[in-house]
């Protein structure tokens, strides 16, 4: 039985916003800290990572969950650099969401309700914190420089875009990084 690795996301594809994120990404890369940067064409805010599921369940997910999701178009603003687990011990570098966060949380809740009906258990996380991952740290060389930049940019406004779609994405893992393919998109009204 074929399994697909899937997630539901909002793509960050506004050209101006992508260019602003690219500038921040170039700034953190210039520190010389070993890291894997997220490619510009892969920028997204994950609403729900589902993981590997059988292809028949992907169809049910499309028909029973995504087709029933309704949302109004809304603005999403990116603001501030941060890190998981903390800025002083960064493993994942992200950009936060200011405007639009409550709409993303509502979409996440609507998706979770639908997934429960399909028997997909909820995520084991404390609270949904919308963010755009831009890098994963691979070593500690020059970490002080990175921490300084994270602190300098923690309140930086990057810009905003209108969210028109949420997308079901397939993730294919490769040695050079993941390849994402849109399986379905749901348009807001």
C-alpha atoms as a PDB file:
ATOM      1  CA  UNK A   1       0.000   0.000   0.000  1.00  0.00           C
ATOM      2  CA  UNK A   2       1.419   3.352  -1.065  1.00  0.00           C
ATOM      3  CA  UNK A   3       1.979   5.884   1.714  1.00  0.00           C
ATOM      4  CA  UNK A   4       2.380   9.611   1.280  1.00  0.00           C
ATOM      5  CA  UNK A   5       4.094  12.043   3.673  1.00  0.00           C
ATOM      6  CA  UNK A   6       1.732  15.019   3.847  1.00  0.00           C
ATOM      7  CA  UNK A   7       1.079  18.302   5.622  1.00  0.00           C
ATOM      8  CA  UNK A   8      -1.315  21.249   5.349  1.00  0.00           C
ATOM      9  CA  UNK A   9       0.191  24.718   4.970  1.00  0.00           C
ATOM     10  CA  UNK A  10      -0.042  28.303   3.852  1.00  0.00           C
ATOM     11  CA  UNK A  11       2.634  28.978   1.235  1.00  0.00           C
ATOM     12  CA  UNK A  12       4.601  32.211   1.541  1.00  0.00           C
ATOM     13  CA  UNK A  13       4.732  33.040  -2.159  1.00  0.00           C
ATOM     14  CA  UNK A  14       4.256  36.802  -2.372  1.00  0.00           C
ATOM     15  CA  UNK A  15       7.357  37.986  -4.330  1.00  0.00           C
ATOM     16  CA  UNK A  16       8.049  41.014  -2.098  1.00  0.00           C
ATOM     17  CA  UNK A  17       7.701  38.989   1.101  1.00  0.00           C
ATOM     18  CA  UNK A  18       9.887  36.200  -0.303  1.00  0.00           C
ATOM     19  CA  UNK A  19      12.591  38.764  -1.134  1.00  0.00           C
ATOM     20  CA  UNK A  20      12.441  40.169   2.411  1.00  0.00           C
ATOM     21  CA  UNK A  21      12.763  36.671   3.912  1.00  0.00           C
ATOM     22  CA  UNK A  22      15.658  35.960   1.529  1.00  0.00           C
ATOM     23  CA  UNK A  23      17.480  39.056   2.830  1.00  0.00           C
ATOM     24  CA  UNK A  24      17.101  37.907   6.435  1.00  0.00           C
ATOM     25  CA  UNK A  25      18.210  34.406   5.447  1.00  0.00           C
ATOM     26  CA  UNK A  26      21.319  35.841   3.719  1.00  0.00           C
ATOM     27  CA  UNK A  27      22.101  37.822   6.869  1.00  0.00           C
ATOM     28  CA  UNK A  28      21.997  34.774   9.129  1.00  0.00           C
ATOM     29  CA  UNK A  29      23.934  32.687   6.594  1.00  0.00           C
ATOM     30  CA  UNK A  30      26.698  35.322   6.560  1.00  0.00           C
ATOM     31  CA  UNK A  31      27.532  34.454  10.198  1.00  0.00           C
ATOM     32  CA  UNK A  32      29.290  31.277   9.080  1.00  0.00           C
ATOM     33  CA  UNK A  33      27.278  29.109  11.461  1.00  0.00           C
ATOM     34  CA  UNK A  34      26.815  25.644   9.888  1.00  0.00           C
ATOM     35  CA  UNK A  35      23.156  25.483   8.821  1.00  0.00           C
ATOM     36  CA  UNK A  36      20.713  24.097   6.279  1.00  0.00           C
ATOM     37  CA  UNK A  37      18.730  26.959   4.758  1.00  0.00           C
ATOM     38  CA  UNK A  38      15.164  26.536   3.528  1.00  0.00           C
ATOM     39  CA  UNK A  39      14.874  27.224  -0.203  1.00  0.00           C
ATOM     40  CA  UNK A  40      12.764  30.263  -1.164  1.00  0.00           C
ATOM     41  CA  UNK A  41      10.311  28.110  -3.135  1.00  0.00           C
ATOM     42  CA  UNK A  42       9.653  26.019  -0.007  1.00  0.00           C
ATOM     43  CA  UNK A  43       8.630  28.883   2.330  1.00  0.00           C
ATOM     44  CA  UNK A  44       5.430  27.959   4.145  1.00  0.00           C
ATOM     45  CA  UNK A  45       3.666  28.072   7.485  1.00  0.00           C
ATOM     46  CA  UNK A  46       2.667  24.583   8.525  1.00  0.00           C
ATOM     47  CA  UNK A  47      -0.865  24.397   9.856  1.00  0.00           C
ATOM     48  CA  UNK A  48      -0.659  20.651  10.467  1.00  0.00           C
ATOM     49  CA  UNK A  49       2.042  18.086   9.754  1.00  0.00           C
ATOM     50  CA  UNK A  50       0.269  14.762   9.294  1.00  0.00           C
ATOM     51  CA  UNK A  51       3.129  12.461   8.327  1.00  0.00           C
ATOM     52  CA  UNK A  52       3.009   9.237   6.350  1.00  0.00           C
ATOM     53  CA  UNK A  53      -0.503   8.008   5.679  1.00  0.00           C
ATOM     54  CA  UNK A  54      -1.973   5.533   3.161  1.00  0.00           C
ATOM     55  CA  UNK A  55      -3.055   7.064  -0.157  1.00  0.00           C
ATOM     56  CA  UNK A  56      -6.714   6.149   0.466  1.00  0.00           C
ATOM     57  CA  UNK A  57      -6.601   8.258   3.649  1.00  0.00           C
ATOM     58  CA  UNK A  58      -5.182  11.187   1.636  1.00  0.00           C
ATOM     59  CA  UNK A  59      -8.341  11.020  -0.507  1.00  0.00           C
ATOM     60  CA  UNK A  60     -10.533  10.982   2.610  1.00  0.00           C
ATOM     61  CA  UNK A  61      -8.546  13.915   3.968  1.00  0.00           C
ATOM     62  CA  UNK A  62      -9.253  15.863   0.782  1.00  0.00           C
ATOM     63  CA  UNK A  63     -12.960  14.975   0.643  1.00  0.00           C
ATOM     64  CA  UNK A  64     -13.924  14.908   4.320  1.00  0.00           C
ATOM     65  CA  UNK A  65     -11.685  17.591   5.799  1.00  0.00           C
ATOM     66  CA  UNK A  66     -10.234  20.054   3.302  1.00  0.00           C
ATOM     67  CA  UNK A  67     -13.262  20.444   1.040  1.00  0.00           C
ATOM     68  CA  UNK A  68     -15.300  21.357   4.129  1.00  0.00           C
ATOM     69  CA  UNK A  69     -12.899  24.064   5.361  1.00  0.00           C
ATOM     70  CA  UNK A  70     -14.272  27.566   4.833  1.00  0.00           C
ATOM     71  CA  UNK A  71     -12.327  30.741   5.528  1.00  0.00           C
ATOM     72  CA  UNK A  72     -12.311  34.412   4.582  1.00  0.00           C
ATOM     73  CA  UNK A  73      -9.265  35.868   2.870  1.00  0.00           C
ATOM     74  CA  UNK A  74      -7.010  37.507   5.448  1.00  0.00           C
ATOM     75  CA  UNK A  75      -3.711  39.365   5.788  1.00  0.00           C
ATOM     76  CA  UNK A  76      -0.688  37.648   7.223  1.00  0.00           C
ATOM     77  CA  UNK A  77       2.303  39.675   8.438  1.00  0.00           C
ATOM     78  CA  UNK A  78       5.734  38.276   9.177  1.00  0.00           C
ATOM     79  CA  UNK A  79       7.590  39.823  12.086  1.00  0.00           C
ATOM     80  CA  UNK A  80      10.650  39.008  14.128  1.00  0.00           C
ATOM     81  CA  UNK A  81      13.355  36.367  14.140  1.00  0.00           C
ATOM     82  CA  UNK A  82      13.301  33.650  16.758  1.00  0.00           C
ATOM     83  CA  UNK A  83      14.677  30.201  17.466  1.00  0.00           C
ATOM     84  CA  UNK A  84      13.609  26.859  18.868  1.00  0.00           C
ATOM     85  CA  UNK A  85      14.232  25.808  21.567  1.00  0.00           C
ATOM     86  CA  UNK A  86      15.595  29.266  22.590  1.00  0.00           C
ATOM     87  CA  UNK A  87      17.569  32.160  21.072  1.00  0.00           C
ATOM     88  CA  UNK A  88      20.549  31.265  23.285  1.00  0.00           C
ATOM     89  CA  UNK A  89      20.452  27.619  22.083  1.00  0.00           C
ATOM     90  CA  UNK A  90      19.150  27.858  18.499  1.00  0.00           C
ATOM     91  CA  UNK A  91      18.418  24.651  16.555  1.00  0.00           C
ATOM     92  CA  UNK A  92      15.680  25.978  14.250  1.00  0.00           C
ATOM     93  CA  UNK A  93      15.552  29.609  13.065  1.00  0.00           C
ATOM     94  CA  UNK A  94      12.110  31.011  12.307  1.00  0.00           C
ATOM     95  CA  UNK A  95      10.221  34.186  11.476  1.00  0.00           C
ATOM     96  CA  UNK A  96       7.089  34.866  13.490  1.00  0.00           C
ATOM     97  CA  UNK A  97       3.583  35.873  12.479  1.00  0.00           C
ATOM     98  CA  UNK A  98       1.981  39.019  13.876  1.00  0.00           C
ATOM     99  CA  UNK A  99      -1.155  39.967  11.916  1.00  0.00           C
ATOM    100  CA  UNK A 100      -3.189  36.919  10.855  1.00  0.00           C
ATOM    101  CA  UNK A 101      -2.118  34.663  13.696  1.00  0.00           C
ATOM    102  CA  UNK A 102      -5.675  34.249  15.044  1.00  0.00           C
ATOM    103  CA  UNK A 103      -6.934  33.214  11.577  1.00  0.00           C
ATOM    104  CA  UNK A 104      -4.161  30.621  11.277  1.00  0.00           C
ATOM    105  CA  UNK A 105      -5.068  29.261  14.722  1.00  0.00           C
ATOM    106  CA  UNK A 106      -8.735  28.988  13.712  1.00  0.00           C
ATOM    107  CA  UNK A 107      -7.774  27.134  10.513  1.00  0.00           C
ATOM    108  CA  UNK A 108      -5.569  24.816  12.570  1.00  0.00           C
ATOM    109  CA  UNK A 109      -8.484  24.078  14.950  1.00  0.00           C
ATOM    110  CA  UNK A 110     -10.885  23.414  12.049  1.00  0.00           C
ATOM    111  CA  UNK A 111      -8.344  21.035  10.493  1.00  0.00           C
ATOM    112  CA  UNK A 112      -7.825  19.219  13.820  1.00  0.00           C
ATOM    113  CA  UNK A 113     -11.593  18.658  14.212  1.00  0.00           C
ATOM    114  CA  UNK A 114     -11.748  17.124  10.735  1.00  0.00           C
ATOM    115  CA  UNK A 115      -8.678  14.950  11.321  1.00  0.00           C
ATOM    116  CA  UNK A 116     -10.157  13.566  14.545  1.00  0.00           C
ATOM    117  CA  UNK A 117     -13.199  12.386  12.546  1.00  0.00           C
ATOM    118  CA  UNK A 118     -10.779  10.448  10.309  1.00  0.00           C
ATOM    119  CA  UNK A 119      -9.126   8.881  13.353  1.00  0.00           C
ATOM    120  CA  UNK A 120      -5.891  10.865  13.022  1.00  0.00           C
ATOM    121  CA  UNK A 121      -4.687  11.685  16.567  1.00  0.00           C
ATOM    122  CA  UNK A 122      -3.920  15.294  17.543  1.00  0.00           C
ATOM    123  CA  UNK A 123      -0.353  16.563  17.521  1.00  0.00           C
ATOM    124  CA  UNK A 124       1.641  16.263  20.733  1.00  0.00           C
ATOM    125  CA  UNK A 125       2.463  19.940  21.070  1.00  0.00           C
ATOM    126  CA  UNK A 126       1.768  22.506  23.723  1.00  0.00           C
ATOM    127  CA  UNK A 127       0.251  25.310  21.694  1.00  0.00           C
ATOM    128  CA  UNK A 128       0.216  26.091  17.983  1.00  0.00           C
ATOM    129  CA  UNK A 129       2.680  28.913  17.303  1.00  0.00           C
ATOM    130  CA  UNK A 130       2.523  29.962  13.622  1.00  0.00           C
ATOM    131  CA  UNK A 131       5.994  30.506  12.179  1.00  0.00           C
ATOM    132  CA  UNK A 132       8.049  30.273   8.996  1.00  0.00           C
ATOM    133  CA  UNK A 133      11.124  28.056   9.400  1.00  0.00           C
ATOM    134  CA  UNK A 134      14.084  29.475   7.455  1.00  0.00           C
ATOM    135  CA  UNK A 135      17.073  27.438   8.720  1.00  0.00           C
ATOM    136  CA  UNK A 136      18.167  24.443  10.775  1.00  0.00           C
ATOM    137  CA  UNK A 137      21.409  24.806  12.718  1.00  0.00           C
ATOM    138  CA  UNK A 138      23.979  22.051  12.151  1.00  0.00           C
ATOM    139  CA  UNK A 139      26.851  23.172  14.403  1.00  0.00           C
ATOM    140  CA  UNK A 140      28.056  25.713  16.955  1.00  0.00           C
ATOM    141  CA  UNK A 141      30.867  27.524  15.087  1.00  0.00           C
ATOM    142  CA  UNK A 142      30.280  31.347  15.220  1.00  0.00           C
ATOM    143  CA  UNK A 143      27.095  30.860  17.252  1.00  0.00           C
ATOM    144  CA  UNK A 144      27.644  34.173  19.063  1.00  0.00           C
ATOM    145  CA  UNK A 145      27.291  36.071  15.763  1.00  0.00           C
ATOM    146  CA  UNK A 146      24.008  34.307  15.012  1.00  0.00           C
ATOM    147  CA  UNK A 147      22.609  34.977  18.501  1.00  0.00           C
ATOM    148  CA  UNK A 148      23.479  38.679  18.082  1.00  0.00           C
ATOM    149  CA  UNK A 149      21.545  38.830  14.780  1.00  0.00           C
ATOM    150  CA  UNK A 150      18.592  36.959  16.270  1.00  0.00           C
ATOM    151  CA  UNK A 151      18.404  39.565  19.031  1.00  0.00           C
ATOM    152  CA  UNK A 152      18.810  42.475  16.579  1.00  0.00           C
ATOM    153  CA  UNK A 153      15.974  41.213  14.342  1.00  0.00           C
ATOM    154  CA  UNK A 154      13.565  39.902  17.002  1.00  0.00           C
ATOM    155  CA  UNK A 155      11.089  42.750  16.338  1.00  0.00           C
ATOM    156  CA  UNK A 156      11.802  43.328  12.628  1.00  0.00           C
ATOM    157  CA  UNK A 157       8.697  43.801  10.437  1.00  0.00           C
ATOM    158  CA  UNK A 158       9.138  42.018   7.115  1.00  0.00           C
ATOM    159  CA  UNK A 159       5.864  42.700   5.335  1.00  0.00           C
ATOM    160  CA  UNK A 160       2.513  41.101   4.693  1.00  0.00           C
ATOM    161  CA  UNK A 161       0.501  39.224   2.097  1.00  0.00           C
ATOM    162  CA  UNK A 162      -3.081  38.165   1.548  1.00  0.00           C
ATOM    163  CA  UNK A 163      -3.760  34.511   2.325  1.00  0.00           C
ATOM    164  CA  UNK A 164      -5.952  33.141  -0.442  1.00  0.00           C
ATOM    165  CA  UNK A 165      -5.237  29.411  -0.167  1.00  0.00           C
ATOM    166  CA  UNK A 166      -4.392  26.637   2.208  1.00  0.00           C
ATOM    167  CA  UNK A 167      -2.726  23.670   0.561  1.00  0.00           C
ATOM    168  CA  UNK A 168      -2.335  19.964   1.140  1.00  0.00           C
ATOM    169  CA  UNK A 169       1.294  19.231   0.316  1.00  0.00           C
ATOM    170  CA  UNK A 170       3.182  16.030  -0.299  1.00  0.00           C
ATOM    171  CA  UNK A 171       6.749  15.961   1.012  1.00  0.00           C
ATOM    172  CA  UNK A 172       9.374  13.806  -0.682  1.00  0.00           C
ATOM    173  CA  UNK A 173      12.592  13.636   1.320  1.00  0.00           C
ATOM    174  CA  UNK A 174      15.841  13.701  -0.668  1.00  0.00           C
ATOM    175  CA  UNK A 175      19.509  14.084   0.274  1.00  0.00           C
ATOM    176  CA  UNK A 176      19.528  17.677  -0.957  1.00  0.00           C
ATOM    177  CA  UNK A 177      16.358  18.562   0.963  1.00  0.00           C
ATOM    178  CA  UNK A 178      12.611  18.041   0.758  1.00  0.00           C
ATOM    179  CA  UNK A 179      10.598  18.425  -2.425  1.00  0.00           C
ATOM    180  CA  UNK A 180       7.036  19.666  -1.876  1.00  0.00           C
ATOM    181  CA  UNK A 181       4.183  19.072  -4.266  1.00  0.00           C
ATOM    182  CA  UNK A 182       0.710  20.573  -3.903  1.00  0.00           C
ATOM    183  CA  UNK A 183      -1.961  17.861  -3.951  1.00  0.00           C
ATOM    184  CA  UNK A 184      -4.949  20.132  -3.301  1.00  0.00           C
ATOM    185  CA  UNK A 185      -5.687  23.729  -2.520  1.00  0.00           C
ATOM    186  CA  UNK A 186      -8.649  25.287  -0.778  1.00  0.00           C
ATOM    187  CA  UNK A 187      -9.427  28.880  -1.693  1.00  0.00           C
ATOM    188  CA  UNK A 188     -10.803  31.351   0.795  1.00  0.00           C
ATOM    189  CA  UNK A 189     -13.705  33.642  -0.019  1.00  0.00           C
END
